[in-house]
Amino acid sequence: MQGLGIRDARESDLSFVTGLIADDAVAAARDAPTGEEARYQREAFDAIAADPCHRLLIAELDAERVGSFQLSFIPGVAVGGAWRGQVEFVRVASAMRGRGIGEAMMRWAIEKCRARGCYLVQLTSDNRRPAAHRFYERLGFAASHAGFKLRL
């Protein structure tokens, strides 16, 4: 996509990323504010920034922040010791949706995983997001496994 750049998030981007969370109805319904989230989000940001297997990324269109996602590289013993790429928290600012930004972000992530030698790229998507599921399927992802989560 012309004019789209993807870079690692900086501390000054944290409010943009958390704003994307606040603008997400599914996430808002799932995670009620506790008053402690800013501290935990900062701790998570610091942990991601310190670990070369994890990246919090910002998408910019003509120098304006328009999206964010997390890309993690996971080693494994299965499949001959293959690495996996894990994509999380793919979000595009609501005013910028429908312009191909999400697709460009995902294609960038896929290429980074390929360059890293990953065996596959995986992600999870909330069952309440059928449009997102169609989006990922259009990009070649298959709903090949059932996902399970245990909230603690």
Protein backbone atom coordinates (compact mmCIF):
# COMPACT_ATOMS: atom_id res chain seq x y z
CA MET A 1 0.00 0.00 0.00
CA GLN A 2 1.44 3.32 -1.11
CA GLY A 3 2.46 5.55 1.79
CA LEU A 4 2.06 2.88 4.49
CA GLY A 5 4.95 2.26 6.84
CA ILE A 6 5.22 -0.14 9.75
CA ARG A 7 7.56 0.48 12.66
CA ASP A 8 8.11 -0.67 16.21
CA ALA A 9 5.99 1.17 18.75
CA ARG A 10 7.62 3.76 20.97
CA GLU A 11 6.58 4.70 24.47
CA SER A 12 4.83 7.75 23.05
CA ASP A 13 2.59 5.42 20.97
CA LEU A 14 1.12 3.65 23.98
CA SER A 15 -1.83 6.05 24.28
CA PHE A 16 -2.63 5.51 20.59
CA VAL A 17 -2.59 1.73 21.05
CA THR A 18 -4.74 1.86 24.18
CA GLY A 19 -7.11 4.20 22.34
CA LEU A 20 -7.61 1.50 19.71
CA ILE A 21 -8.53 -0.89 22.52
CA ALA A 22 -11.01 1.60 23.98
CA ASP A 23 -12.61 2.03 20.54
CA ASP A 24 -13.22 -1.72 20.19
CA ALA A 25 -16.70 -2.80 21.36
CA VAL A 26 -15.76 -6.48 21.67
CA ALA A 27 -12.66 -5.71 23.74
CA ALA A 28 -14.58 -3.22 25.88
CA ALA A 29 -17.27 -5.81 26.62
CA ARG A 30 -14.65 -8.44 27.46
CA ASP A 31 -12.31 -6.36 29.62
CA ALA A 32 -14.00 -3.95 31.98
CA PRO A 33 -11.72 -1.11 33.18
CA THR A 34 -10.15 -1.75 36.57
CA GLY A 35 -8.14 1.44 37.05
CA GLU A 36 -4.94 -0.60 37.00
CA GLU A 37 -4.76 -1.22 33.25
CA ALA A 38 -2.41 1.68 32.48
CA ARG A 39 0.23 0.24 34.80
CA TYR A 40 -0.16 -3.28 33.39
CA GLN A 41 -0.15 -2.01 29.80
CA ARG A 42 3.07 -0.13 30.48
CA GLU A 43 4.63 -3.25 32.01
CA ALA A 44 3.55 -5.27 28.96
CA PHE A 45 4.95 -2.64 26.61
CA ASP A 46 8.29 -2.74 28.42
CA ALA A 47 8.38 -6.56 28.31
CA ILE A 48 7.60 -6.62 24.57
CA ALA A 49 10.23 -3.97 23.85
CA ALA A 50 12.86 -5.96 25.77
CA ASP A 51 12.25 -9.29 24.02
CA PRO A 52 13.47 -9.76 20.43
CA CYS A 53 10.80 -12.43 19.85
CA HIS A 54 7.99 -9.91 20.36
CA ARG A 55 7.17 -6.69 18.55
CA LEU A 56 4.39 -4.17 19.10
CA LEU A 57 3.98 -2.44 15.77
CA ILE A 58 2.47 0.79 14.53
CA ALA A 59 1.16 1.28 11.01
CA GLU A 60 1.43 4.81 9.64
CA LEU A 61 -0.16 6.16 6.49
CA ASP A 62 1.60 9.28 5.29
CA ALA A 63 3.11 9.70 8.81
CA GLU A 64 -0.30 9.41 10.55
CA ARG A 65 -0.78 6.48 12.94
CA VAL A 66 -3.60 4.32 11.59
CA GLY A 67 -3.19 0.87 13.10
CA SER A 68 -1.35 -1.46 15.41
CA PHE A 69 -0.66 -5.14 15.94
CA GLN A 70 1.64 -7.43 17.86
CA LEU A 71 3.88 -9.96 16.14
CA SER A 72 5.55 -12.72 18.15
CA PHE A 73 7.93 -15.45 17.10
CA ILE A 74 7.42 -18.71 18.98
CA PRO A 75 9.93 -21.56 18.97
CA GLY A 76 8.63 -25.10 19.09
CA VAL A 77 9.86 -28.66 19.28
CA ALA A 78 7.01 -30.02 17.11
CA VAL A 79 7.23 -30.00 13.32
CA GLY A 80 10.97 -30.53 13.41
CA GLY A 81 11.67 -27.59 15.69
CA ALA A 82 9.75 -25.12 13.53
CA TRP A 83 9.10 -21.54 14.58
CA ARG A 84 5.62 -20.01 14.38
CA GLY A 85 4.59 -16.45 13.89
CA GLN A 86 1.74 -15.30 16.14
CA VAL A 87 -0.24 -12.19 15.20
CA GLU A 88 -2.28 -10.54 17.93
CA PHE A 89 -4.39 -7.44 18.45
CA VAL A 90 -4.78 -6.37 14.84
CA ARG A 91 -6.54 -3.01 14.95
CA VAL A 92 -7.10 -0.23 12.42
CA ALA A 93 -8.44 3.14 13.55
CA SER A 94 -12.18 3.20 12.90
CA ALA A 95 -11.98 6.25 10.60
CA MET A 96 -9.40 4.47 8.42
CA ARG A 97 -11.07 1.07 7.94
CA GLY A 98 -11.94 -0.19 4.49
CA ARG A 99 -8.84 1.26 2.81
CA GLY A 100 -6.67 -1.86 2.72
CA ILE A 101 -4.60 -0.95 5.77
CA GLY A 102 -5.40 -4.17 7.65
CA GLU A 103 -4.50 -6.25 4.63
CA ALA A 104 -1.22 -4.41 4.19
CA MET A 105 -0.41 -4.90 7.88
CA MET A 106 -1.12 -8.63 7.66
CA ARG A 107 0.89 -9.09 4.46
CA TRP A 108 3.81 -7.29 6.13
CA ALA A 109 3.54 -9.63 9.14
CA ILE A 110 3.40 -12.70 6.90
CA GLU A 111 6.54 -11.59 5.07
CA LYS A 112 8.39 -10.98 8.35
CA CYS A 113 7.45 -14.49 9.48
CA ARG A 114 8.60 -15.95 6.16
CA ALA A 115 11.92 -14.08 6.43
CA ARG A 116 12.34 -15.38 9.99
CA GLY A 117 11.91 -18.96 8.72
CA CYS A 118 8.58 -19.59 10.41
CA TYR A 119 6.67 -22.73 9.48
CA LEU A 120 3.34 -20.94 9.74
CA VAL A 121 1.57 -17.79 10.86
CA GLN A 122 -1.25 -18.19 13.32
CA LEU A 123 -3.75 -15.97 15.05
CA THR A 124 -6.89 -16.11 17.07
CA SER A 125 -10.01 -14.07 16.51
CA ASP A 126 -12.96 -13.67 18.83
CA ASN A 127 -16.02 -15.67 17.76
CA ARG A 128 -18.00 -12.41 17.83
CA ARG A 129 -16.02 -11.09 14.83
CA PRO A 130 -17.41 -12.83 11.72
CA ALA A 131 -16.24 -10.01 9.43
CA ALA A 132 -12.69 -10.43 10.75
CA HIS A 133 -12.92 -14.17 10.11
CA ARG A 134 -13.88 -13.54 6.48
CA PHE A 135 -10.98 -11.07 6.22
CA TYR A 136 -8.43 -13.62 7.47
CA GLU A 137 -9.84 -16.36 5.24
CA ARG A 138 -9.55 -14.04 2.24
CA LEU A 139 -5.84 -13.67 3.10
CA GLY A 140 -5.42 -17.46 3.03
CA PHE A 141 -5.81 -18.30 6.71
CA ALA A 142 -7.83 -21.43 7.47
CA ALA A 143 -9.93 -22.06 10.56
CA SER A 144 -8.08 -25.34 11.06
CA HIS A 145 -8.05 -25.58 14.86
CA ALA A 146 -10.46 -24.88 17.71
CA GLY A 147 -9.09 -22.36 20.19
CA PHE A 148 -9.61 -22.58 23.92
CA LYS A 149 -8.95 -19.99 26.59
CA LEU A 150 -9.12 -20.09 30.35
CA ARG A 151 -9.57 -16.69 32.00
CA LEU A 152 -7.66 -16.36 35.25
